């Protein structure tokens, strides 16, 4: 009899990357969470994807794109930020971040390592007797996961809950655990093609929002060079604002 996959199941990599320092880990894990909140980028035509820039990630909120740029700058990963404007009656902006080809391997390596190591730290601990520094690290990872989801995932706000919609089941598990680390009970609601993770309105909601607030930037962020296009074909999952996304 075949066992149904559990929520926390994940493929095991054949090689283990070198562990990241704790400061680097927080930024790399948050960037990985932002990436997992978004669908794969698409283009209006094959030629629209630049050969010299890969990989890419797309956001339909400027604050999510700016946060990703800030994190990658801390990780020494250069990125190009482009903005495409579309829509007729309802205008929208699509923010595309491109990593130059020569930095692709470093980008992939640090984001993958950040996700694996951060997920392991968050889901596995802190263990009894852990040092105060490790406990602070786990709290920081929990805050980073929720910050990413609130910035880049589809918000599901009702009078009685604050929720986020995700297609990534591992990130959903991370949010449930992260809420527990922050002393907030969270609920998981499987839907058609996505997961809804929610916390109750009131003190639980306020605690999550306070924990997920952005800390001051470590350094100034330069104004991005933008390339604006009129009425592009919207990328999958990015043609509408987060508040208007379809429910599960």
Protein backbone atom coordinates (compact mmCIF):
# COMPACT_ATOMS: atom_id res chain seq x y z
CA UNK A 1 0.00 0.00 0.00
CA UNK A 2 1.44 3.34 -1.03
CA UNK A 3 1.80 5.89 1.75
CA UNK A 4 0.31 9.30 1.04
CA UNK A 5 2.93 12.05 1.13
CA UNK A 6 2.92 14.02 4.35
CA UNK A 7 2.94 17.79 4.45
CA UNK A 8 6.54 17.93 5.61
CA UNK A 9 7.89 15.42 3.06
CA UNK A 10 10.55 16.86 0.75
CA UNK A 11 13.18 15.49 -1.63
CA UNK A 12 16.59 14.95 -0.07
CA UNK A 13 19.51 16.53 -2.00
CA UNK A 14 22.37 14.24 -2.98
CA UNK A 15 24.95 16.69 -1.64
CA UNK A 16 24.81 18.91 1.43
CA UNK A 17 25.82 22.56 0.84
CA UNK A 18 28.25 24.27 3.19
CA UNK A 19 26.38 25.86 6.12
CA UNK A 20 25.77 29.58 5.97
CA UNK A 21 26.66 32.01 8.72
CA UNK A 22 23.70 33.02 10.86
CA UNK A 23 23.46 36.58 9.52
CA UNK A 24 23.67 35.36 5.94
CA UNK A 25 21.21 32.57 6.67
CA UNK A 26 18.45 34.96 7.71
CA UNK A 27 18.69 36.93 4.45
CA UNK A 28 19.08 33.85 2.24
CA UNK A 29 16.11 32.10 3.89
CA UNK A 30 13.89 35.15 3.49
CA UNK A 31 14.86 35.47 -0.19
CA UNK A 32 14.04 31.79 -0.68
CA UNK A 33 10.64 32.27 0.95
CA UNK A 34 9.89 35.24 -1.30
CA UNK A 35 10.83 33.14 -4.30
CA UNK A 36 8.53 30.30 -3.20
CA UNK A 37 5.62 32.76 -2.90
CA UNK A 38 5.73 33.54 -6.61
CA UNK A 39 4.91 31.49 -9.73
CA UNK A 40 7.62 30.91 -12.36
CA UNK A 41 8.08 34.05 -14.50
CA UNK A 42 6.58 34.02 -17.96
CA UNK A 43 7.03 36.28 -20.98
CA UNK A 44 4.78 37.59 -23.70
CA UNK A 45 6.95 35.88 -26.31
CA UNK A 46 10.12 33.77 -26.30
CA UNK A 47 12.30 36.70 -27.27
CA UNK A 48 11.03 38.71 -24.33
CA UNK A 49 13.19 36.73 -21.90
CA UNK A 50 16.68 38.15 -22.01
CA UNK A 51 19.37 35.57 -22.59
CA UNK A 52 21.89 37.49 -20.51
CA UNK A 53 19.62 37.61 -17.46
CA UNK A 54 18.61 34.38 -15.81
CA UNK A 55 17.02 33.35 -13.56
CA UNK A 56 14.20 35.81 -12.97
CA UNK A 57 11.39 36.36 -10.49
CA UNK A 58 8.25 38.46 -10.85
CA UNK A 59 6.23 40.33 -8.24
CA UNK A 60 3.01 42.32 -8.58
CA UNK A 61 3.87 44.46 -5.56
CA UNK A 62 6.69 46.97 -5.51
CA UNK A 63 7.43 46.50 -1.81
CA UNK A 64 8.00 42.76 -2.37
CA UNK A 65 10.37 43.46 -5.27
CA UNK A 66 12.26 46.09 -3.27
CA UNK A 67 12.63 43.69 -0.34
CA UNK A 68 14.04 41.02 -2.65
CA UNK A 69 16.49 43.56 -4.08
CA UNK A 70 17.56 44.56 -0.58
CA UNK A 71 18.17 40.95 0.44
CA UNK A 72 20.12 40.10 -2.71
CA UNK A 73 22.25 43.22 -2.25
CA UNK A 74 23.17 42.01 1.25
CA UNK A 75 24.09 38.64 -0.28
CA UNK A 76 26.29 40.33 -2.94
CA UNK A 77 24.04 39.20 -5.81
CA UNK A 78 23.53 41.94 -8.43
CA UNK A 79 20.06 42.24 -9.89
CA UNK A 80 18.26 44.30 -12.53
CA UNK A 81 14.80 45.60 -11.69
CA UNK A 82 12.37 46.20 -14.55
CA UNK A 83 8.79 47.45 -14.33
CA UNK A 84 6.11 46.65 -16.90
CA UNK A 85 2.83 48.59 -16.78
CA UNK A 86 -0.33 47.07 -18.21
CA UNK A 87 -4.08 46.96 -18.04
CA UNK A 88 -6.81 49.15 -19.49
CA UNK A 89 -9.45 50.11 -16.95
CA UNK A 90 -7.44 48.66 -14.13
CA UNK A 91 -3.75 49.47 -14.32
CA UNK A 92 -1.15 47.28 -12.69
CA UNK A 93 2.62 47.01 -12.44
CA UNK A 94 4.64 43.84 -12.86
CA UNK A 95 8.09 43.95 -11.25
CA UNK A 96 10.69 41.65 -12.80
CA UNK A 97 14.04 41.00 -11.14
CA UNK A 98 16.80 39.54 -13.31
CA UNK A 99 20.04 38.01 -12.08
CA UNK A 100 22.88 38.25 -14.65
CA UNK A 101 24.01 34.93 -16.05
CA UNK A 102 27.50 35.18 -14.55
CA UNK A 103 25.96 35.38 -11.06
CA UNK A 104 23.33 32.70 -11.56
CA UNK A 105 25.26 29.88 -9.88
CA UNK A 106 26.02 32.00 -6.80
CA UNK A 107 22.38 33.08 -6.62
CA UNK A 108 21.06 29.53 -6.91
CA UNK A 109 23.58 28.20 -4.42
CA UNK A 110 22.90 30.74 -1.68
CA UNK A 111 19.10 30.63 -2.05
CA UNK A 112 19.01 26.82 -2.05
CA UNK A 113 21.34 26.65 0.96
CA UNK A 114 19.31 29.31 2.76
CA UNK A 115 16.07 27.41 2.24
CA UNK A 116 17.41 24.00 3.29
CA UNK A 117 19.33 25.24 6.32
CA UNK A 118 16.68 27.75 7.43
CA UNK A 119 13.87 25.24 7.07
CA UNK A 120 15.83 22.67 9.08
CA UNK A 121 16.57 25.16 11.87
CA UNK A 122 12.97 26.37 12.04
CA UNK A 123 11.20 23.00 11.87
CA UNK A 124 13.69 21.21 14.09
CA UNK A 125 14.29 23.61 16.93
CA UNK A 126 15.32 25.25 19.06
CA UNK A 127 16.01 22.11 21.05
CA UNK A 128 15.98 22.13 24.86
CA UNK A 129 19.18 23.69 26.10
CA UNK A 130 19.77 25.67 22.90
CA UNK A 131 21.79 28.85 23.30
CA UNK A 132 20.04 32.24 23.37
CA UNK A 133 21.70 33.06 20.02
CA UNK A 134 20.18 29.99 18.38
CA UNK A 135 16.78 30.77 19.85
CA UNK A 136 16.99 34.29 18.43
CA UNK A 137 17.94 32.80 15.07
CA UNK A 138 14.86 30.56 15.02
CA UNK A 139 12.65 33.52 15.92
CA UNK A 140 14.24 35.58 13.15
CA UNK A 141 13.58 32.79 10.63
CA UNK A 142 9.93 32.60 11.71
CA UNK A 143 9.57 36.36 11.27
CA UNK A 144 11.25 36.19 7.84
CA UNK A 145 8.87 33.48 6.62
CA UNK A 146 5.78 35.44 7.59
CA UNK A 147 7.19 38.69 6.27
CA UNK A 148 7.76 37.06 2.87
CA UNK A 149 4.28 35.56 2.76
CA UNK A 150 2.58 38.83 3.70
CA UNK A 151 4.59 40.70 1.04
CA UNK A 152 4.44 38.28 -1.88
CA UNK A 153 1.71 35.67 -1.36
CA UNK A 154 -1.98 36.21 -1.94
CA UNK A 155 -3.50 37.82 1.14
CA UNK A 156 -6.81 36.38 2.32
CA UNK A 157 -8.18 38.96 4.74
CA UNK A 158 -11.55 38.55 6.42
CA UNK A 159 -13.10 40.13 9.49
CA UNK A 160 -12.14 37.15 11.65
CA UNK A 161 -8.78 36.06 10.14
CA UNK A 162 -5.57 37.13 8.48
CA UNK A 163 -4.54 34.55 5.92
CA UNK A 164 -2.17 33.96 3.03
CA UNK A 165 -2.67 31.67 0.02
CA UNK A 166 0.26 29.57 -1.17
CA UNK A 167 0.87 26.88 -3.76
CA UNK A 168 4.01 25.61 -1.99
CA UNK A 169 3.14 23.04 0.68
CA UNK A 170 6.59 23.19 2.31
CA UNK A 171 6.30 26.93 2.76
CA UNK A 172 2.84 26.39 4.25
CA UNK A 173 4.39 24.01 6.80
CA UNK A 174 7.11 26.57 7.55
CA UNK A 175 4.45 29.24 8.23
CA UNK A 176 2.56 26.96 10.60
CA UNK A 177 5.76 26.24 12.54
CA UNK A 178 6.83 29.88 12.38
CA UNK A 179 3.55 31.01 13.90
CA UNK A 180 4.06 28.53 16.76
CA UNK A 181 7.56 29.93 17.37
CA UNK A 182 5.96 33.39 17.61
CA UNK A 183 3.39 32.03 20.11
CA UNK A 184 0.53 32.34 17.64
CA UNK A 185 -1.73 29.41 16.70
CA UNK A 186 -2.18 29.08 12.95
CA UNK A 187 -4.51 26.92 10.88
CA UNK A 188 -3.92 25.17 7.56
CA UNK A 189 -6.83 24.90 5.11
CA UNK A 190 -6.04 22.80 2.01
CA UNK A 191 -7.81 24.12 -1.09
CA UNK A 192 -8.01 23.40 -4.78
CA UNK A 193 -4.48 23.95 -6.01
CA UNK A 194 -3.35 25.96 -3.01
CA UNK A 195 -3.08 26.15 0.76
CA UNK A 196 -4.56 28.79 3.04
CA UNK A 197 -2.63 29.51 6.26
CA UNK A 198 -4.49 31.78 8.65
CA UNK A 199 -4.35 33.27 12.14
CA UNK A 200 -7.24 34.68 14.12
CA UNK A 201 -8.04 38.37 14.18
CA UNK A 202 -7.17 40.31 17.30
CA UNK A 203 -3.99 39.74 19.36
CA UNK A 204 -2.79 36.86 17.12
CA UNK A 205 -3.03 38.96 13.99
CA UNK A 206 -1.35 41.94 15.62
CA UNK A 207 1.54 39.79 16.88
CA UNK A 208 2.15 38.37 13.40
CA UNK A 209 2.06 41.84 11.83
CA UNK A 210 4.47 43.26 14.42
CA UNK A 211 6.85 40.33 14.02
CA UNK A 212 6.79 40.57 10.22
CA UNK A 213 7.44 44.33 10.11
CA UNK A 214 10.47 45.29 8.04
CA UNK A 215 13.57 46.23 9.98
CA UNK A 216 15.56 49.31 8.87
CA UNK A 217 17.68 48.72 5.80
CA UNK A 218 21.39 48.10 6.41
CA UNK A 219 22.29 50.44 3.56
CA UNK A 220 20.68 52.66 0.91
CA UNK A 221 18.99 51.02 -2.05
CA UNK A 222 19.63 52.65 -5.40
CA UNK A 223 16.72 53.59 -7.61
CA UNK A 224 16.14 50.68 -10.05
CA UNK A 225 16.57 51.08 -13.76
CA UNK A 226 13.13 50.35 -15.18
CA UNK A 227 11.91 49.37 -18.60
CA UNK A 228 8.23 50.15 -18.98
CA UNK A 229 6.03 48.45 -21.53
CA UNK A 230 2.42 49.28 -22.32
CA UNK A 231 -0.24 46.60 -21.96
CA UNK A 232 1.97 43.50 -21.78
CA UNK A 233 0.35 40.10 -21.46
CA UNK A 234 0.15 39.51 -17.70
CA UNK A 235 2.37 36.83 -16.25
CA UNK A 236 0.62 33.87 -14.66
CA UNK A 237 -0.60 34.84 -11.23
CA UNK A 238 0.65 38.43 -11.52
CA UNK A 239 -2.00 40.22 -13.58
CA UNK A 240 -4.04 41.43 -10.62
CA UNK A 241 -3.32 42.95 -7.28
CA UNK A 242 -2.95 40.57 -4.33
CA UNK A 243 -6.23 41.57 -2.74
CA UNK A 244 -8.12 40.56 -5.89
CA UNK A 245 -6.64 37.10 -6.39
CA UNK A 246 -9.12 34.28 -6.72
CA UNK A 247 -9.76 32.22 -3.63
CA UNK A 248 -8.68 28.59 -3.44
